[in-house]
Amino acid sequence: MCQASLDYLHISYCILRLNKLNWLILNKYMKKKLFWKYLLICGFICLALIIIIFSIFLLNKSKKLEIIFLNVGQGDSSLIKLPNRQVILIDGGPDNLVLKRLGENLPFYRRRLDYIIVSHFHDDHLIGLIEVINRYKIGSIIYMKGEERSVLGSIFIRMAKLKKINLIAVENEATLNYFPGCFIKILNPVIFAIKNDGNNSLISKLSCQKETALFTGDNNFKIEAALLKTGEDWSAKILKAAHHGSKSANSEMFLRGVNPSWLIISVGINNRFGHPSAEIVSRAAYLGLPIKRTDQDGTIKIIEPE
């Protein structure tokens, strides 16, 4: 009986020792496994940081000018990325699709727009900007003086004031100088004393490095004719067609006067307005002027120098 008890104690002792040994081995194995797991995670984090830093370095090193006509459906929105890394947004389209397009064309860490230029306060140019000023830090908003009296305009300007955004109301004309040889000239068509048909818009001409681009909003052919009569140089390599390619603008005289290498039409697929007008498309073909359209080509990027 005594011997049996001793044997039982011995076996129990051996089992305890074995369990302790197993635990030590298992603990050592788990520590080793966790070590390699942590090492792998640290490796991935370091690799991601290297990629991010390298990407930022390459982006900051870029000296290219980019003019991007965002595909926002039946509306207007153009993004300009200057060689000095300043960013200008002209109009914001009819809805929040502009946010997606900005995300596609700006680095993920870029949460500031230096300037927003609002050509006029129609919903297909303005509505998208309401959420833009909520999501991004804005340097200045430039708009046509008097437009703030409209319903949409008053709402937008009130929101901008609440966010303490610098507001610039262009009464006649203004020039934004970015660096030598790079500027945007802005003109309010009110100076022509032509009756406003509801489509009068700020006219903006970008001149930067070897590139020129003219943005005419929704202005009609009367404003186009008055613009040419000023005697100033309104020629441009890139012309964004007025009023989505409507036949109320984009006259042959104006197209010849601007003499662009590209006519860009910002327009929605199968829109109810019939934009662009077949007459304007035919006119461009007659003049040998290549067309790019957001409804067919999506977002259009022009980079200088290529």
C-alpha atoms as a PDB file:
ATOM      1  CA  MET A   1       0.000   0.000   0.000  1.00  0.00           C
ATOM      2  CA  CYS A   2       2.843   2.317   0.904  1.00  0.00           C
ATOM      3  CA  GLN A   3       4.745   1.398  -2.253  1.00  0.00           C
ATOM      4  CA  ALA A   4       1.658   2.097  -4.384  1.00  0.00           C
ATOM      5  CA  SER A   5       1.313   5.541  -2.819  1.00  0.00           C
ATOM      6  CA  LEU A   6       4.976   6.291  -3.536  1.00  0.00           C
ATOM      7  CA  ASP A   7       4.561   5.171  -7.143  1.00  0.00           C
ATOM      8  CA  TYR A   8       1.482   7.359  -7.489  1.00  0.00           C
ATOM      9  CA  LEU A   9       3.336  10.353  -6.084  1.00  0.00           C
ATOM     10  CA  HIS A  10       6.264   9.678  -8.374  1.00  0.00           C
ATOM     11  CA  ILE A  11       3.995   9.473 -11.432  1.00  0.00           C
ATOM     12  CA  SER A  12       2.176  12.642 -10.381  1.00  0.00           C
ATOM     13  CA  TYR A  13       5.499  14.401  -9.908  1.00  0.00           C
ATOM     14  CA  CYS A  14       6.649  13.256 -13.366  1.00  0.00           C
ATOM     15  CA  ILE A  15       3.404  14.479 -14.954  1.00  0.00           C
ATOM     16  CA  LEU A  16       3.818  17.874 -13.284  1.00  0.00           C
ATOM     17  CA  ARG A  17       7.410  18.097 -14.475  1.00  0.00           C
ATOM     18  CA  LEU A  18       6.356  17.105 -17.953  1.00  0.00           C
ATOM     19  CA  ASN A  19       3.567  19.698 -17.987  1.00  0.00           C
ATOM     20  CA  LYS A  20       6.001  22.371 -16.840  1.00  0.00           C
ATOM     21  CA  LEU A  21       8.469  21.328 -19.531  1.00  0.00           C
ATOM     22  CA  ASN A  22       5.715  21.431 -22.160  1.00  0.00           C
ATOM     23  CA  TRP A  23       4.639  24.833 -20.942  1.00  0.00           C
ATOM     24  CA  LEU A  24       8.218  26.146 -21.128  1.00  0.00           C
ATOM     25  CA  ILE A  25       8.651  24.750 -24.640  1.00  0.00           C
ATOM     26  CA  LEU A  26       5.266  26.106 -25.723  1.00  0.00           C
ATOM     27  CA  ASN A  27       5.977  29.481 -24.121  1.00  0.00           C
ATOM     28  CA  LYS A  28       9.340  29.659 -25.867  1.00  0.00           C
ATOM     29  CA  TYR A  29       7.697  28.684 -29.163  1.00  0.00           C
ATOM     30  CA  MET A  30       4.943  31.281 -28.744  1.00  0.00           C
ATOM     31  CA  LYS A  31       7.455  33.984 -27.852  1.00  0.00           C
ATOM     32  CA  LYS A  32       9.484  33.080 -30.915  1.00  0.00           C
ATOM     33  CA  LYS A  33       6.350  33.080 -33.077  1.00  0.00           C
ATOM     34  CA  LEU A  34       5.239  36.437 -31.684  1.00  0.00           C
ATOM     35  CA  PHE A  35       8.733  37.834 -32.228  1.00  0.00           C
ATOM     36  CA  TRP A  36       8.657  36.962 -35.916  1.00  0.00           C
ATOM     37  CA  LYS A  37       5.088  38.230 -36.171  1.00  0.00           C
ATOM     38  CA  TYR A  38       6.049  41.592 -34.657  1.00  0.00           C
ATOM     39  CA  LEU A  39       9.156  41.713 -36.815  1.00  0.00           C
ATOM     40  CA  LEU A  40       7.035  41.139 -39.921  1.00  0.00           C
ATOM     41  CA  ILE A  41       4.570  43.864 -38.903  1.00  0.00           C
ATOM     42  CA  CYS A  42       7.415  46.315 -38.216  1.00  0.00           C
ATOM     43  CA  GLY A  43       8.895  45.452 -41.597  1.00  0.00           C
ATOM     44  CA  PHE A  44       5.619  46.234 -43.368  1.00  0.00           C
ATOM     45  CA  ILE A  45       5.254  49.536 -41.471  1.00  0.00           C
ATOM     46  CA  CYS A  46       8.805  50.590 -42.350  1.00  0.00           C
ATOM     47  CA  LEU A  47       8.248  49.670 -46.006  1.00  0.00           C
ATOM     48  CA  ALA A  48       4.998  51.668 -46.090  1.00  0.00           C
ATOM     49  CA  LEU A  49       6.723  54.702 -44.543  1.00  0.00           C
ATOM     50  CA  ILE A  50       9.558  54.481 -47.071  1.00  0.00           C
ATOM     51  CA  ILE A  51       7.037  54.347 -49.949  1.00  0.00           C
ATOM     52  CA  ILE A  52       5.068  57.309 -48.547  1.00  0.00           C
ATOM     53  CA  ILE A  53       8.193  59.433 -47.978  1.00  0.00           C
ATOM     54  CA  PHE A  54       9.536  58.557 -51.420  1.00  0.00           C
ATOM     55  CA  SER A  55       6.165  59.397 -53.038  1.00  0.00           C
ATOM     56  CA  ILE A  56       6.014  62.757 -51.255  1.00  0.00           C
ATOM     57  CA  PHE A  57       9.583  63.481 -52.345  1.00  0.00           C
ATOM     58  CA  LEU A  58       8.765  62.724 -55.983  1.00  0.00           C
ATOM     59  CA  LEU A  59       5.553  64.765 -55.899  1.00  0.00           C
ATOM     60  CA  ASN A  60       7.286  67.730 -54.299  1.00  0.00           C
ATOM     61  CA  LYS A  61      10.109  67.485 -56.803  1.00  0.00           C
ATOM     62  CA  SER A  62       7.677  67.747 -59.741  1.00  0.00           C
ATOM     63  CA  LYS A  63       7.830  71.062 -61.601  1.00  0.00           C
ATOM     64  CA  LYS A  64       5.051  70.302 -64.040  1.00  0.00           C
ATOM     65  CA  LEU A  65       1.946  72.361 -64.653  1.00  0.00           C
ATOM     66  CA  GLU A  66      -1.233  70.275 -64.715  1.00  0.00           C
ATOM     67  CA  ILE A  67      -4.583  71.484 -66.041  1.00  0.00           C
ATOM     68  CA  ILE A  68      -7.301  68.951 -65.277  1.00  0.00           C
ATOM     69  CA  PHE A  69     -10.877  69.152 -66.511  1.00  0.00           C
ATOM     70  CA  LEU A  70     -12.779  67.039 -63.999  1.00  0.00           C
ATOM     71  CA  ASN A  71     -15.545  64.757 -65.173  1.00  0.00           C
ATOM     72  CA  VAL A  72     -18.404  65.955 -62.946  1.00  0.00           C
ATOM     73  CA  GLY A  73     -21.306  65.202 -65.262  1.00  0.00           C
ATOM     74  CA  GLN A  74     -23.426  68.068 -66.568  1.00  0.00           C
ATOM     75  CA  GLY A  75     -21.426  70.844 -64.974  1.00  0.00           C
ATOM     76  CA  ASP A  76     -18.053  72.530 -64.830  1.00  0.00           C
ATOM     77  CA  SER A  77     -15.024  71.934 -62.633  1.00  0.00           C
ATOM     78  CA  SER A  78     -11.368  72.446 -63.498  1.00  0.00           C
ATOM     79  CA  LEU A  79      -8.327  71.811 -61.338  1.00  0.00           C
ATOM     80  CA  ILE A  80      -5.011  73.600 -61.878  1.00  0.00           C
ATOM     81  CA  LYS A  81      -1.857  72.325 -60.184  1.00  0.00           C
ATOM     82  CA  LEU A  82       0.963  74.852 -60.511  1.00  0.00           C
ATOM     83  CA  PRO A  83       4.677  73.966 -60.606  1.00  0.00           C
ATOM     84  CA  ASN A  84       5.108  75.689 -57.208  1.00  0.00           C
ATOM     85  CA  ARG A  85       2.534  73.223 -55.804  1.00  0.00           C
ATOM     86  CA  GLN A  86      -0.280  75.763 -55.416  1.00  0.00           C
ATOM     87  CA  VAL A  87      -3.696  74.409 -56.362  1.00  0.00           C
ATOM     88  CA  ILE A  88      -6.614  76.300 -57.938  1.00  0.00           C
ATOM     89  CA  LEU A  89     -10.131  74.949 -58.417  1.00  0.00           C
ATOM     90  CA  ILE A  90     -12.404  76.679 -60.923  1.00  0.00           C
ATOM     91  CA  ASP A  91     -16.042  75.759 -60.195  1.00  0.00           C
ATOM     92  CA  GLY A  92     -17.261  72.597 -58.482  1.00  0.00           C
ATOM     93  CA  GLY A  93     -19.924  70.972 -60.645  1.00  0.00           C
ATOM     94  CA  PRO A  94     -23.532  70.134 -59.728  1.00  0.00           C
ATOM     95  CA  ASP A  95     -23.023  67.715 -56.824  1.00  0.00           C
ATOM     96  CA  ASN A  96     -20.500  65.963 -54.568  1.00  0.00           C
ATOM     97  CA  LEU A  97     -18.906  63.983 -57.418  1.00  0.00           C
ATOM     98  CA  VAL A  98     -16.245  66.693 -57.392  1.00  0.00           C
ATOM     99  CA  LEU A  99     -14.960  65.290 -54.072  1.00  0.00           C
ATOM    100  CA  LYS A 100     -14.247  61.944 -55.710  1.00  0.00           C
ATOM    101  CA  ARG A 101     -12.509  63.639 -58.625  1.00  0.00           C
ATOM    102  CA  LEU A 102     -10.344  65.727 -56.284  1.00  0.00           C
ATOM    103  CA  GLY A 103      -9.401  62.556 -54.421  1.00  0.00           C
ATOM    104  CA  GLU A 104      -8.361  60.963 -57.712  1.00  0.00           C
ATOM    105  CA  ASN A 105      -6.201  63.902 -58.755  1.00  0.00           C
ATOM    106  CA  LEU A 106      -4.628  65.154 -55.526  1.00  0.00           C
ATOM    107  CA  PRO A 107      -2.274  63.331 -53.138  1.00  0.00           C
ATOM    108  CA  PHE A 108      -4.100  61.829 -50.156  1.00  0.00           C
ATOM    109  CA  TYR A 109      -2.323  64.223 -47.787  1.00  0.00           C
ATOM    110  CA  ARG A 110      -3.327  67.334 -49.761  1.00  0.00           C
ATOM    111  CA  ARG A 111      -6.221  68.898 -47.856  1.00  0.00           C
ATOM    112  CA  ARG A 112      -5.773  72.514 -48.946  1.00  0.00           C
ATOM    113  CA  LEU A 113      -6.906  74.413 -52.028  1.00  0.00           C
ATOM    114  CA  ASP A 114      -5.131  77.737 -52.373  1.00  0.00           C
ATOM    115  CA  TYR A 115      -7.828  79.359 -54.507  1.00  0.00           C
ATOM    116  CA  ILE A 116     -11.369  78.610 -55.585  1.00  0.00           C
ATOM    117  CA  ILE A 117     -12.638  80.658 -58.521  1.00  0.00           C
ATOM    118  CA  VAL A 118     -16.412  80.600 -58.962  1.00  0.00           C
ATOM    119  CA  SER A 119     -17.272  81.606 -62.525  1.00  0.00           C
ATOM    120  CA  HIS A 120     -20.895  82.262 -61.507  1.00  0.00           C
ATOM    121  CA  PHE A 121     -23.405  80.968 -59.005  1.00  0.00           C
ATOM    122  CA  HIS A 122     -25.445  78.547 -61.121  1.00  0.00           C
ATOM    123  CA  ASP A 123     -26.013  75.187 -59.452  1.00  0.00           C
ATOM    124  CA  ASP A 124     -24.029  73.202 -62.073  1.00  0.00           C
ATOM    125  CA  HIS A 125     -20.946  75.266 -61.193  1.00  0.00           C
ATOM    126  CA  LEU A 126     -21.506  75.906 -57.484  1.00  0.00           C
ATOM    127  CA  ILE A 127     -23.290  73.080 -55.622  1.00  0.00           C
ATOM    128  CA  GLY A 128     -20.222  70.825 -55.441  1.00  0.00           C
ATOM    129  CA  LEU A 129     -18.216  73.615 -53.826  1.00  0.00           C
ATOM    130  CA  ILE A 130     -20.422  73.638 -50.732  1.00  0.00           C
ATOM    131  CA  GLU A 131     -19.024  70.309 -49.544  1.00  0.00           C
ATOM    132  CA  VAL A 132     -15.545  71.146 -50.872  1.00  0.00           C
ATOM    133  CA  ILE A 133     -15.224  74.056 -48.428  1.00  0.00           C
ATOM    134  CA  ASN A 134     -16.364  71.709 -45.647  1.00  0.00           C
ATOM    135  CA  ARG A 135     -13.731  69.071 -46.463  1.00  0.00           C
ATOM    136  CA  TYR A 136     -10.746  71.193 -47.507  1.00  0.00           C
ATOM    137  CA  LYS A 137      -8.918  74.170 -46.067  1.00  0.00           C
ATOM    138  CA  ILE A 138      -9.403  77.032 -48.530  1.00  0.00           C
ATOM    139  CA  GLY A 139      -7.048  79.973 -48.954  1.00  0.00           C
ATOM    140  CA  SER A 140      -9.308  82.348 -50.906  1.00  0.00           C
ATOM    141  CA  ILE A 141     -12.580  82.271 -52.831  1.00  0.00           C
ATOM    142  CA  ILE A 142     -12.854  84.548 -55.858  1.00  0.00           C
ATOM    143  CA  TYR A 143     -16.256  85.389 -57.297  1.00  0.00           C
ATOM    144  CA  MET A 144     -18.104  87.943 -59.409  1.00  0.00           C
ATOM    145  CA  LYS A 145     -19.249  90.920 -57.375  1.00  0.00           C
ATOM    146  CA  GLY A 146     -23.036  91.014 -57.052  1.00  0.00           C
ATOM    147  CA  GLU A 147     -23.487  87.242 -57.364  1.00  0.00           C
ATOM    148  CA  GLU A 148     -23.719  86.987 -53.575  1.00  0.00           C
ATOM    149  CA  ARG A 149     -27.202  88.491 -53.808  1.00  0.00           C
ATOM    150  CA  SER A 150     -28.600  85.337 -55.433  1.00  0.00           C
ATOM    151  CA  VAL A 151     -30.142  82.641 -53.220  1.00  0.00           C
ATOM    152  CA  LEU A 152     -27.367  80.086 -53.799  1.00  0.00           C
ATOM    153  CA  GLY A 153     -24.750  82.807 -53.647  1.00  0.00           C
ATOM    154  CA  SER A 154     -25.887  84.129 -50.292  1.00  0.00           C
ATOM    155  CA  ILE A 155     -25.852  80.626 -48.782  1.00  0.00           C
ATOM    156  CA  PHE A 156     -22.389  79.868 -50.140  1.00  0.00           C
ATOM    157  CA  ILE A 157     -20.860  83.184 -49.100  1.00  0.00           C
ATOM    158  CA  ARG A 158     -22.383  82.891 -45.618  1.00  0.00           C
ATOM    159  CA  MET A 159     -20.812  79.429 -45.211  1.00  0.00           C
ATOM    160  CA  ALA A 160     -17.448  80.744 -46.411  1.00  0.00           C
ATOM    161  CA  LYS A 161     -17.578  83.590 -43.887  1.00  0.00           C
ATOM    162  CA  LEU A 162     -18.374  81.176 -41.060  1.00  0.00           C
ATOM    163  CA  LYS A 163     -15.234  79.246 -42.026  1.00  0.00           C
ATOM    164  CA  LYS A 164     -13.263  82.516 -42.114  1.00  0.00           C
ATOM    165  CA  ILE A 165     -12.229  82.006 -45.746  1.00  0.00           C
ATOM    166  CA  ASN A 166     -10.745  85.055 -47.456  1.00  0.00           C
ATOM    167  CA  LEU A 167     -13.279  86.385 -49.996  1.00  0.00           C
ATOM    168  CA  ILE A 168     -12.347  88.348 -53.122  1.00  0.00           C
ATOM    169  CA  ALA A 169     -15.225  89.906 -55.064  1.00  0.00           C
ATOM    170  CA  VAL A 170     -14.032  90.931 -58.540  1.00  0.00           C
ATOM    171  CA  GLU A 171     -15.725  94.161 -59.550  1.00  0.00           C
ATOM    172  CA  ASN A 172     -13.896  94.760 -62.848  1.00  0.00           C
ATOM    173  CA  GLU A 173     -10.719  92.734 -63.202  1.00  0.00           C
ATOM    174  CA  ALA A 174      -7.958  91.190 -61.124  1.00  0.00           C
ATOM    175  CA  THR A 175      -4.674  89.347 -61.575  1.00  0.00           C
ATOM    176  CA  LEU A 176      -3.338  86.533 -59.401  1.00  0.00           C
ATOM    177  CA  ASN A 177       0.457  86.409 -59.615  1.00  0.00           C
ATOM    178  CA  TYR A 178       1.983  83.121 -58.481  1.00  0.00           C
ATOM    179  CA  PHE A 179       5.607  83.470 -59.586  1.00  0.00           C
ATOM    180  CA  PRO A 180       7.384  85.199 -62.496  1.00  0.00           C
ATOM    181  CA  GLY A 181       5.775  84.084 -65.753  1.00  0.00           C
ATOM    182  CA  CYS A 182       2.820  82.402 -64.053  1.00  0.00           C
ATOM    183  CA  PHE A 183      -0.445  84.230 -63.382  1.00  0.00           C
ATOM    184  CA  ILE A 184      -4.212  84.175 -63.873  1.00  0.00           C
ATOM    185  CA  LYS A 185      -6.019  87.209 -65.258  1.00  0.00           C
ATOM    186  CA  ILE A 186      -9.675  87.450 -64.212  1.00  0.00           C
ATOM    187  CA  LEU A 187     -12.257  89.715 -65.819  1.00  0.00           C
ATOM    188  CA  ASN A 188     -15.833  90.508 -64.824  1.00  0.00           C
ATOM    189  CA  PRO A 189     -17.971  90.993 -67.993  1.00  0.00           C
ATOM    190  CA  VAL A 190     -19.934  93.746 -66.257  1.00  0.00           C
ATOM    191  CA  ILE A 191     -17.296  96.114 -67.676  1.00  0.00           C
ATOM    192  CA  PHE A 192     -18.797  95.566 -71.148  1.00  0.00           C
ATOM    193  CA  ALA A 193     -22.168  97.002 -70.065  1.00  0.00           C
ATOM    194  CA  ILE A 194     -23.954  94.153 -71.853  1.00  0.00           C
ATOM    195  CA  LYS A 195     -27.294  93.108 -70.387  1.00  0.00           C
ATOM    196  CA  ASN A 196     -26.867  90.061 -68.196  1.00  0.00           C
ATOM    197  CA  ASP A 197     -28.812  87.111 -69.647  1.00  0.00           C
ATOM    198  CA  GLY A 198     -28.291  85.138 -66.440  1.00  0.00           C
ATOM    199  CA  ASN A 199     -25.182  83.386 -67.758  1.00  0.00           C
ATOM    200  CA  ASN A 200     -22.594  86.134 -67.303  1.00  0.00           C
ATOM    201  CA  SER A 201     -19.461  84.598 -65.776  1.00  0.00           C
ATOM    202  CA  LEU A 202     -15.968  85.508 -64.702  1.00  0.00           C
ATOM    203  CA  ILE A 203     -13.443  85.014 -67.494  1.00  0.00           C
ATOM    204  CA  SER A 204     -10.128  83.526 -66.358  1.00  0.00           C
ATOM    205  CA  LYS A 205      -6.978  83.190 -68.441  1.00  0.00           C
ATOM    206  CA  LEU A 206      -4.069  81.168 -67.105  1.00  0.00           C
ATOM    207  CA  SER A 207      -0.605  81.982 -68.446  1.00  0.00           C
ATOM    208  CA  CYS A 208       2.094  79.785 -66.949  1.00  0.00           C
ATOM    209  CA  GLN A 209       5.419  78.721 -68.414  1.00  0.00           C
ATOM    210  CA  LYS A 210       4.598  77.826 -72.025  1.00  0.00           C
ATOM    211  CA  GLU A 211       0.940  77.032 -71.412  1.00  0.00           C
ATOM    212  CA  THR A 212      -2.163  79.189 -71.734  1.00  0.00           C
ATOM    213  CA  ALA A 213      -5.745  78.247 -70.970  1.00  0.00           C
ATOM    214  CA  LEU A 214      -8.943  80.261 -71.205  1.00  0.00           C
ATOM    215  CA  PHE A 215     -11.999  79.559 -69.050  1.00  0.00           C
ATOM    216  CA  THR A 216     -15.115  81.492 -70.090  1.00  0.00           C
ATOM    217  CA  GLY A 217     -17.852  80.060 -67.863  1.00  0.00           C
ATOM    218  CA  ASP A 218     -21.300  80.282 -69.471  1.00  0.00           C
ATOM    219  CA  ASN A 219     -20.796  83.609 -71.267  1.00  0.00           C
ATOM    220  CA  ASN A 220     -22.673  84.109 -74.551  1.00  0.00           C
ATOM    221  CA  PHE A 221     -21.405  85.243 -77.964  1.00  0.00           C
ATOM    222  CA  LYS A 222     -22.004  88.937 -77.134  1.00  0.00           C
ATOM    223  CA  ILE A 223     -19.498  88.725 -74.272  1.00  0.00           C
ATOM    224  CA  GLU A 224     -17.102  86.809 -76.539  1.00  0.00           C
ATOM    225  CA  ALA A 225     -17.260  89.557 -79.169  1.00  0.00           C
ATOM    226  CA  ALA A 226     -16.721  92.292 -76.555  1.00  0.00           C
ATOM    227  CA  LEU A 227     -13.744  90.369 -75.163  1.00  0.00           C
ATOM    228  CA  LEU A 228     -12.029  90.287 -78.557  1.00  0.00           C
ATOM    229  CA  LYS A 229     -12.658  94.005 -79.046  1.00  0.00           C
ATOM    230  CA  THR A 230     -10.622  94.892 -75.939  1.00  0.00           C
ATOM    231  CA  GLY A 231      -7.492  94.477 -78.034  1.00  0.00           C
ATOM    232  CA  GLU A 232      -5.867  92.376 -75.320  1.00  0.00           C
ATOM    233  CA  ASP A 233      -4.345  88.974 -76.003  1.00  0.00           C
ATOM    234  CA  TRP A 234      -7.003  86.352 -75.327  1.00  0.00           C
ATOM    235  CA  SER A 235      -5.377  83.655 -77.430  1.00  0.00           C
ATOM    236  CA  ALA A 236      -4.844  80.355 -75.627  1.00  0.00           C
ATOM    237  CA  LYS A 237      -3.618  76.858 -76.371  1.00  0.00           C
ATOM    238  CA  ILE A 238      -6.543  75.429 -74.431  1.00  0.00           C
ATOM    239  CA  LEU A 239     -10.079  76.786 -74.547  1.00  0.00           C
ATOM    240  CA  LYS A 240     -12.794  75.429 -72.303  1.00  0.00           C
ATOM    241  CA  ALA A 241     -15.906  75.773 -74.434  1.00  0.00           C
ATOM    242  CA  ALA A 242     -18.404  78.229 -73.009  1.00  0.00           C
ATOM    243  CA  HIS A 243     -21.685  76.906 -71.599  1.00  0.00           C
ATOM    244  CA  HIS A 244     -20.869  73.225 -72.181  1.00  0.00           C
ATOM    245  CA  GLY A 245     -20.603  73.712 -75.950  1.00  0.00           C
ATOM    246  CA  SER A 246     -23.907  75.573 -76.327  1.00  0.00           C
ATOM    247  CA  LYS A 247     -24.674  77.326 -79.626  1.00  0.00           C
ATOM    248  CA  SER A 248     -25.394  80.496 -77.617  1.00  0.00           C
ATOM    249  CA  ALA A 249     -21.602  80.897 -77.475  1.00  0.00           C
ATOM    250  CA  ASN A 250     -18.427  79.535 -79.095  1.00  0.00           C
ATOM    251  CA  SER A 251     -18.854  81.670 -82.223  1.00  0.00           C
ATOM    252  CA  GLU A 252     -16.589  81.140 -85.206  1.00  0.00           C
ATOM    253  CA  MET A 253     -15.123  84.609 -84.718  1.00  0.00           C
ATOM    254  CA  PHE A 254     -14.259  83.791 -81.102  1.00  0.00           C
ATOM    255  CA  LEU A 255     -12.748  80.395 -81.912  1.00  0.00           C
ATOM    256  CA  ARG A 256     -10.592  82.001 -84.599  1.00  0.00           C
ATOM    257  CA  GLY A 257      -9.607  84.818 -82.227  1.00  0.00           C
ATOM    258  CA  VAL A 258      -8.555  82.505 -79.402  1.00  0.00           C
ATOM    259  CA  ASN A 259      -7.020  80.055 -81.899  1.00  0.00           C
ATOM    260  CA  PRO A 260      -6.705  77.139 -79.442  1.00  0.00           C
ATOM    261  CA  SER A 261      -4.959  73.827 -80.027  1.00  0.00           C
ATOM    262  CA  TRP A 262      -7.684  72.069 -78.031  1.00  0.00           C
ATOM    263  CA  LEU A 263     -11.335  72.756 -77.358  1.00  0.00           C
ATOM    264  CA  ILE A 264     -12.432  71.162 -74.083  1.00  0.00           C
ATOM    265  CA  ILE A 265     -16.149  70.543 -73.519  1.00  0.00           C
ATOM    266  CA  SER A 266     -17.322  69.751 -69.986  1.00  0.00           C
ATOM    267  CA  VAL A 267     -20.630  67.964 -70.406  1.00  0.00           C
ATOM    268  CA  GLY A 268     -22.751  65.118 -69.017  1.00  0.00           C
ATOM    269  CA  ILE A 269     -23.675  61.948 -70.901  1.00  0.00           C
ATOM    270  CA  ASN A 270     -27.086  62.187 -72.641  1.00  0.00           C
ATOM    271  CA  ASN A 271     -27.873  65.458 -70.877  1.00  0.00           C
ATOM    272  CA  ARG A 272     -31.341  66.966 -71.304  1.00  0.00           C
ATOM    273  CA  PHE A 273     -29.954  70.187 -72.825  1.00  0.00           C
ATOM    274  CA  GLY A 274     -28.512  68.512 -75.901  1.00  0.00           C
ATOM    275  CA  HIS A 275     -25.011  69.794 -75.089  1.00  0.00           C
ATOM    276  CA  PRO A 276     -22.728  70.100 -76.898  1.00  0.00           C
ATOM    277  CA  SER A 277     -24.576  71.595 -79.836  1.00  0.00           C
ATOM    278  CA  ALA A 278     -24.025  69.692 -83.106  1.00  0.00           C
ATOM    279  CA  GLU A 279     -23.461  73.104 -84.673  1.00  0.00           C
ATOM    280  CA  ILE A 280     -20.474  73.782 -82.388  1.00  0.00           C
ATOM    281  CA  VAL A 281     -19.013  70.321 -82.973  1.00  0.00           C
ATOM    282  CA  SER A 282     -19.285  70.877 -86.740  1.00  0.00           C
ATOM    283  CA  ARG A 283     -17.787  74.355 -86.409  1.00  0.00           C
ATOM    284  CA  ALA A 284     -14.759  72.982 -84.583  1.00  0.00           C
ATOM    285  CA  ALA A 285     -14.325  70.285 -87.235  1.00  0.00           C
ATOM    286  CA  TYR A 286     -14.548  72.914 -89.982  1.00  0.00           C
ATOM    287  CA  LEU A 287     -11.805  74.944 -88.259  1.00  0.00           C
ATOM    288  CA  GLY A 288      -9.641  71.834 -87.749  1.00  0.00           C
ATOM    289  CA  LEU A 289      -9.936  72.229 -83.991  1.00  0.00           C
ATOM    290  CA  PRO A 290      -9.594  68.982 -81.996  1.00  0.00           C
ATOM    291  CA  ILE A 291     -12.211  68.420 -79.299  1.00  0.00           C
ATOM    292  CA  LYS A 292     -11.972  66.574 -76.002  1.00  0.00           C
ATOM    293  CA  ARG A 293     -15.191  65.906 -74.080  1.00  0.00           C
ATOM    294  CA  THR A 294     -15.645  64.769 -70.502  1.00  0.00           C
ATOM    295  CA  ASP A 295     -18.706  62.692 -71.430  1.00  0.00           C
ATOM    296  CA  GLN A 296     -16.566  60.667 -73.855  1.00  0.00           C
ATOM    297  CA  ASP A 297     -13.030  60.980 -72.494  1.00  0.00           C
ATOM    298  CA  GLY A 298     -13.730  61.244 -68.766  1.00  0.00           C
ATOM    299  CA  THR A 299     -11.454  63.518 -66.749  1.00  0.00           C
ATOM    300  CA  ILE A 300      -9.052  65.268 -69.137  1.00  0.00           C
ATOM    301  CA  LYS A 301      -5.466  65.952 -68.049  1.00  0.00           C
ATOM    302  CA  ILE A 302      -3.089  68.268 -69.833  1.00  0.00           C
ATOM    303  CA  ILE A 303       0.435  68.309 -68.447  1.00  0.00           C
ATOM    304  CA  GLU A 304       3.126  70.834 -69.393  1.00  0.00           C
ATOM    305  CA  PRO A 305       5.869  69.983 -70.088  1.00  0.00           C
ATOM    306  CA  GLU A 306       5.045  66.424 -71.141  1.00  0.00           C
END
